[in-house]
């Protein structure tokens, strides 16, 4: 495991960083790379997106928990639900229940419904279901969704009024959509999870450009120009960190994950001095 400095909890890595690896293989690779926690993609982020199922009580779930024990890993979070006009919170409770059984503590969502009342109601309903299973729900802003900015996410959390609702800060989505560290400090009490990734050059302008960067243009933490060090320094004690940088090209997953762990640890060390 990575020995994280200054009280920072176990460093995690998002499944999207090596989504081609099924959960068992991803867990082993993450452990070899030096991560102490992982996220899992247990629900598709968009139509046709890869994801994996580990149903409650299934043989696959039991075997996966054995892998976690052997590797000394924990599952910190799962993803990903899109709260759009067709979303029904009750329809995803099975996934939440299976995630909680694996030890997951948080799940991430995005908001993509222009009907504000329905969006707030569905977000609150999901939070209520998650609370029954001991989990929290984090809203992640994305420039091509209705909840575009960090401030949009913070406003939704406030309006929903759920104690287990939070804001997930992803490096690219936070900075590329205009947020500042000052704004972060104002709402940091609602941020329990920060995903580290970096980028260079001007921010994308069109939805297509934003999606392309988010899915294939991220850099390892500290390899770009985003203000990650200042952001990390502004987090509250107990904030969890993970890395989300999708593997592109022909790099080996083990090499990619090891490079991400080293880069993130270095960034956290510099930021927390």
Protein backbone atom coordinates (compact mmCIF):
# COMPACT_ATOMS: atom_id res chain seq x y z
CA UNK A 1 0.00 0.00 0.00
CA UNK A 2 1.03 3.60 -0.50
CA UNK A 3 2.05 5.18 2.80
CA UNK A 4 0.04 8.37 2.56
CA UNK A 5 1.40 11.39 4.46
CA UNK A 6 -0.20 13.80 6.91
CA UNK A 7 -3.22 11.71 7.81
CA UNK A 8 -4.46 11.33 4.23
CA UNK A 9 -6.48 8.15 4.00
CA UNK A 10 -5.82 5.29 1.61
CA UNK A 11 -5.24 6.38 -1.95
CA UNK A 12 -7.81 4.96 -4.37
CA UNK A 13 -8.10 4.49 -8.10
CA UNK A 14 -11.24 4.69 -10.21
CA UNK A 15 -12.19 1.68 -12.31
CA UNK A 16 -12.36 3.96 -15.35
CA UNK A 17 -8.57 4.21 -15.17
CA UNK A 18 -8.37 0.61 -16.45
CA UNK A 19 -11.96 -0.23 -17.30
CA UNK A 20 -10.91 -3.08 -19.59
CA UNK A 21 -9.97 -5.09 -16.48
CA UNK A 22 -12.80 -7.04 -14.78
CA UNK A 23 -13.12 -6.36 -11.03
CA UNK A 24 -10.96 -9.28 -9.90
CA UNK A 25 -8.11 -8.37 -12.25
CA UNK A 26 -8.49 -4.66 -11.57
CA UNK A 27 -8.23 -5.20 -7.81
CA UNK A 28 -5.05 -7.24 -8.17
CA UNK A 29 -3.49 -4.73 -10.56
CA UNK A 30 -4.39 -1.82 -8.28
CA UNK A 31 -2.80 -3.56 -5.32
CA UNK A 32 0.37 -4.28 -7.29
CA UNK A 33 0.53 -0.61 -8.24
CA UNK A 34 0.37 0.48 -4.59
CA UNK A 35 -3.23 1.60 -4.20
CA UNK A 36 -5.11 0.82 -1.03
CA UNK A 37 -8.64 1.33 -2.32
CA UNK A 38 -10.54 1.03 -5.56
CA UNK A 39 -13.73 2.25 -7.15
CA UNK A 40 -15.88 -0.05 -9.25
CA UNK A 41 -17.97 0.62 -12.34
CA UNK A 42 -21.10 -1.39 -11.50
CA UNK A 43 -23.51 0.58 -13.68
CA UNK A 44 -23.00 2.04 -17.19
CA UNK A 45 -22.06 5.72 -17.29
CA UNK A 46 -23.68 6.09 -20.70
CA UNK A 47 -25.35 3.83 -23.21
CA UNK A 48 -22.93 1.16 -24.36
CA UNK A 49 -20.31 1.99 -21.73
CA UNK A 50 -18.52 -0.96 -20.12
CA UNK A 51 -19.46 -2.00 -16.61
CA UNK A 52 -19.44 -5.12 -14.46
CA UNK A 53 -21.99 -6.85 -12.27
CA UNK A 54 -21.30 -8.41 -8.89
CA UNK A 55 -24.78 -9.39 -7.67
CA UNK A 56 -25.38 -9.74 -3.95
CA UNK A 57 -24.86 -13.33 -2.84
CA UNK A 58 -23.39 -14.42 -6.16
CA UNK A 59 -20.32 -16.61 -6.54
CA UNK A 60 -18.58 -13.73 -8.35
CA UNK A 61 -19.23 -11.40 -5.44
CA UNK A 62 -17.92 -13.90 -2.91
CA UNK A 63 -14.79 -14.55 -4.94
CA UNK A 64 -14.22 -10.82 -5.35
CA UNK A 65 -14.42 -10.25 -1.59
CA UNK A 66 -11.79 -12.95 -1.16
CA UNK A 67 -9.55 -11.06 -3.59
CA UNK A 68 -10.02 -7.87 -1.57
CA UNK A 69 -9.04 -9.68 1.62
CA UNK A 70 -6.01 -11.29 0.04
CA UNK A 71 -4.79 -8.03 -1.50
CA UNK A 72 -5.56 -5.86 1.53
CA UNK A 73 -7.83 -3.59 -0.52
CA UNK A 74 -11.13 -1.87 0.12
CA UNK A 75 -13.88 -0.76 -2.22
CA UNK A 76 -14.47 2.90 -1.45
CA UNK A 77 -16.97 3.96 -4.10
CA UNK A 78 -19.00 2.78 -7.06
CA UNK A 79 -20.27 4.47 -10.19
CA UNK A 80 -22.13 5.56 -12.21
CA UNK A 81 -25.77 6.70 -12.31
CA UNK A 82 -27.11 9.40 -14.63
CA UNK A 83 -30.12 11.17 -13.11
CA UNK A 84 -31.95 12.04 -16.32
CA UNK A 85 -35.70 12.36 -17.02
CA UNK A 86 -36.12 8.56 -17.14
CA UNK A 87 -34.25 7.86 -13.91
CA UNK A 88 -36.00 5.83 -11.20
CA UNK A 89 -34.12 5.51 -7.94
CA UNK A 90 -35.85 2.29 -6.94
CA UNK A 91 -34.60 0.59 -10.10
CA UNK A 92 -30.96 0.80 -8.98
CA UNK A 93 -31.35 -0.33 -5.38
CA UNK A 94 -30.12 -3.81 -6.31
CA UNK A 95 -26.80 -2.34 -7.45
CA UNK A 96 -26.52 -0.22 -4.31
CA UNK A 97 -27.24 -3.21 -2.10
CA UNK A 98 -24.57 -5.31 -3.78
CA UNK A 99 -22.06 -2.42 -3.55
CA UNK A 100 -22.72 -1.97 0.16
CA UNK A 101 -22.12 -5.68 0.68
CA UNK A 102 -18.68 -5.21 -0.91
CA UNK A 103 -17.93 -2.43 1.60
CA UNK A 104 -18.48 0.57 -0.68
CA UNK A 105 -19.22 3.79 1.15
CA UNK A 106 -20.15 6.21 -1.62
CA UNK A 107 -21.68 6.21 -5.08
CA UNK A 108 -21.33 8.89 -7.74
CA UNK A 109 -23.95 10.35 -10.04
CA UNK A 110 -24.40 13.18 -12.50
CA UNK A 111 -27.48 15.34 -13.00
CA UNK A 112 -28.93 15.63 -16.49
CA UNK A 113 -32.57 16.64 -16.15
CA UNK A 114 -33.76 20.15 -17.02
CA UNK A 115 -36.88 19.70 -14.84
CA UNK A 116 -35.43 21.05 -11.60
CA UNK A 117 -38.12 19.70 -9.33
CA UNK A 118 -37.83 16.20 -10.75
CA UNK A 119 -34.02 16.30 -10.61
CA UNK A 120 -34.01 17.32 -6.95
CA UNK A 121 -36.67 14.74 -6.07
CA UNK A 122 -34.84 11.91 -7.83
CA UNK A 123 -31.51 12.87 -6.27
CA UNK A 124 -33.12 12.98 -2.82
CA UNK A 125 -34.84 9.64 -3.43
CA UNK A 126 -31.52 8.04 -4.40
CA UNK A 127 -29.91 9.47 -1.28
CA UNK A 128 -32.69 7.93 0.84
CA UNK A 129 -32.16 4.50 -0.71
CA UNK A 130 -28.39 4.75 -0.32
CA UNK A 131 -28.80 5.76 3.33
CA UNK A 132 -30.71 2.54 4.02
CA UNK A 133 -27.57 0.68 2.97
CA UNK A 134 -25.11 2.90 4.82
CA UNK A 135 -23.88 4.73 1.72
CA UNK A 136 -23.58 8.34 0.62
CA UNK A 137 -24.25 9.89 -2.79
CA UNK A 138 -21.92 12.35 -4.54
CA UNK A 139 -22.99 14.57 -7.43
CA UNK A 140 -20.29 15.11 -10.04
CA UNK A 141 -20.50 18.11 -12.37
CA UNK A 142 -19.78 17.67 -16.08
CA UNK A 143 -19.74 20.44 -18.66
CA UNK A 144 -22.07 18.65 -21.07
CA UNK A 145 -24.68 17.80 -18.43
CA UNK A 146 -27.34 19.94 -16.74
CA UNK A 147 -25.24 20.02 -13.56
CA UNK A 148 -22.31 21.65 -15.32
CA UNK A 149 -20.32 23.34 -12.58
CA UNK A 150 -19.14 22.73 -9.05
CA UNK A 151 -21.53 25.45 -7.90
CA UNK A 152 -24.40 23.63 -9.66
CA UNK A 153 -23.57 20.51 -7.71
CA UNK A 154 -23.33 22.32 -4.40
CA UNK A 155 -26.70 23.97 -5.03
CA UNK A 156 -28.34 20.62 -5.81
CA UNK A 157 -26.98 19.09 -2.60
CA UNK A 158 -28.31 22.00 -0.57
CA UNK A 159 -31.73 21.85 -2.22
CA UNK A 160 -32.08 18.09 -1.77
CA UNK A 161 -31.35 18.42 1.95
CA UNK A 162 -30.07 14.88 2.42
CA UNK A 163 -27.50 14.33 5.14
CA UNK A 164 -25.67 11.72 3.05
CA UNK A 165 -25.43 13.91 -0.07
CA UNK A 166 -22.09 15.29 -1.16
CA UNK A 167 -20.20 16.85 -4.04
CA UNK A 168 -17.58 14.80 -5.88
CA UNK A 169 -14.73 16.97 -7.13
CA UNK A 170 -13.02 15.66 -10.28
CA UNK A 171 -9.96 17.66 -11.31
CA UNK A 172 -10.90 18.13 -14.95
CA UNK A 173 -14.59 18.81 -14.41
CA UNK A 174 -13.86 21.17 -11.51
CA UNK A 175 -11.33 23.43 -13.19
CA UNK A 176 -12.39 23.13 -16.83
CA UNK A 177 -15.88 24.35 -15.94
CA UNK A 178 -14.73 27.49 -14.20
CA UNK A 179 -14.57 26.63 -10.49
CA UNK A 180 -12.00 28.20 -8.19
CA UNK A 181 -10.32 27.01 -5.03
CA UNK A 182 -12.06 29.86 -3.18
CA UNK A 183 -15.42 28.40 -4.20
CA UNK A 184 -14.20 24.99 -3.12
CA UNK A 185 -13.34 26.28 0.34
CA UNK A 186 -16.84 27.70 0.68
CA UNK A 187 -18.41 24.28 0.14
CA UNK A 188 -15.59 21.97 1.23
CA UNK A 189 -17.65 20.61 4.12
CA UNK A 190 -19.76 18.82 1.48
CA UNK A 191 -16.74 17.30 -0.29
CA UNK A 192 -15.65 13.90 1.01
CA UNK A 193 -14.02 12.62 -2.19
CA UNK A 194 -11.64 14.24 -4.67
CA UNK A 195 -10.62 12.52 -7.92
CA UNK A 196 -7.18 13.55 -9.12
CA UNK A 197 -6.33 14.00 -12.80
CA UNK A 198 -4.67 16.73 -14.83
CA UNK A 199 -4.82 18.45 -18.21
CA UNK A 200 -2.95 20.93 -20.41
CA UNK A 201 -3.93 23.64 -22.82
CA UNK A 202 -7.12 25.65 -23.21
CA UNK A 203 -10.35 24.25 -21.85
CA UNK A 204 -12.57 22.50 -24.41
CA UNK A 205 -15.53 24.52 -25.59
CA UNK A 206 -17.97 22.12 -27.25
CA UNK A 207 -19.67 19.14 -25.64
CA UNK A 208 -17.85 16.82 -28.01
CA UNK A 209 -14.47 18.30 -27.05
CA UNK A 210 -15.26 18.08 -23.33
CA UNK A 211 -16.31 14.44 -23.62
CA UNK A 212 -13.20 13.58 -25.64
CA UNK A 213 -10.90 15.13 -23.03
CA UNK A 214 -12.70 13.51 -20.10
CA UNK A 215 -12.61 10.05 -21.65
CA UNK A 216 -9.29 10.12 -23.44
CA UNK A 217 -7.31 13.28 -22.73
CA UNK A 218 -6.55 13.22 -19.02
CA UNK A 219 -3.02 13.32 -17.63
CA UNK A 220 -1.54 11.88 -14.47
CA UNK A 221 -1.82 14.19 -11.43
CA UNK A 222 0.86 16.86 -11.58
CA UNK A 223 1.62 16.31 -15.27
CA UNK A 224 -0.58 19.18 -16.44
CA UNK A 225 -1.54 22.74 -15.60
CA UNK A 226 -4.57 22.42 -13.33
CA UNK A 227 -4.32 23.83 -9.81
CA UNK A 228 -4.39 20.44 -8.12
CA UNK A 229 -1.83 21.21 -5.43
CA UNK A 230 -3.79 24.23 -4.22
CA UNK A 231 -7.02 22.24 -4.37
CA UNK A 232 -5.60 19.41 -2.29
CA UNK A 233 -4.20 21.88 0.23
CA UNK A 234 -7.71 23.33 0.66
CA UNK A 235 -9.40 20.01 1.49
CA UNK A 236 -10.68 19.21 4.94
CA UNK A 237 -9.15 16.50 7.14
CA UNK A 238 -10.55 13.10 6.26
CA UNK A 239 -11.14 13.87 2.58
CA UNK A 240 -10.48 10.79 0.46
CA UNK A 241 -8.45 10.91 -2.74
CA UNK A 242 -8.53 8.70 -5.78
CA UNK A 243 -7.08 8.88 -9.28
CA UNK A 244 -9.13 8.77 -12.48
CA UNK A 245 -7.08 8.78 -15.67
CA UNK A 246 -8.36 6.37 -18.34
CA UNK A 247 -5.77 4.18 -20.01
CA UNK A 248 -5.29 5.08 -23.67
CA UNK A 249 -3.02 3.72 -26.36
CA UNK A 250 -1.10 0.47 -25.99
CA UNK A 251 0.28 0.95 -22.47
CA UNK A 252 0.12 -2.05 -20.15
CA UNK A 253 -2.48 -1.62 -17.35
CA UNK A 254 0.08 -2.45 -14.64
CA UNK A 255 2.48 0.21 -15.90
CA UNK A 256 -0.32 2.76 -16.21
CA UNK A 257 -1.65 2.19 -12.70
CA UNK A 258 1.83 2.23 -11.15
CA UNK A 259 2.58 5.55 -12.84
CA UNK A 260 -0.70 7.00 -11.53
CA UNK A 261 -0.02 5.86 -7.98
CA UNK A 262 3.47 7.37 -8.00
CA UNK A 263 2.24 10.66 -9.49
CA UNK A 264 -0.67 11.00 -7.05
CA UNK A 265 1.47 10.20 -4.02
CA UNK A 266 4.01 12.82 -5.09
CA UNK A 267 1.30 15.43 -5.56
CA UNK A 268 -0.25 14.71 -2.18
CA UNK A 269 3.10 14.87 -0.46
CA UNK A 270 3.87 18.25 -2.02
CA UNK A 271 0.42 19.63 -1.29
CA UNK A 272 0.19 18.55 2.32
CA UNK A 273 3.56 19.82 3.57
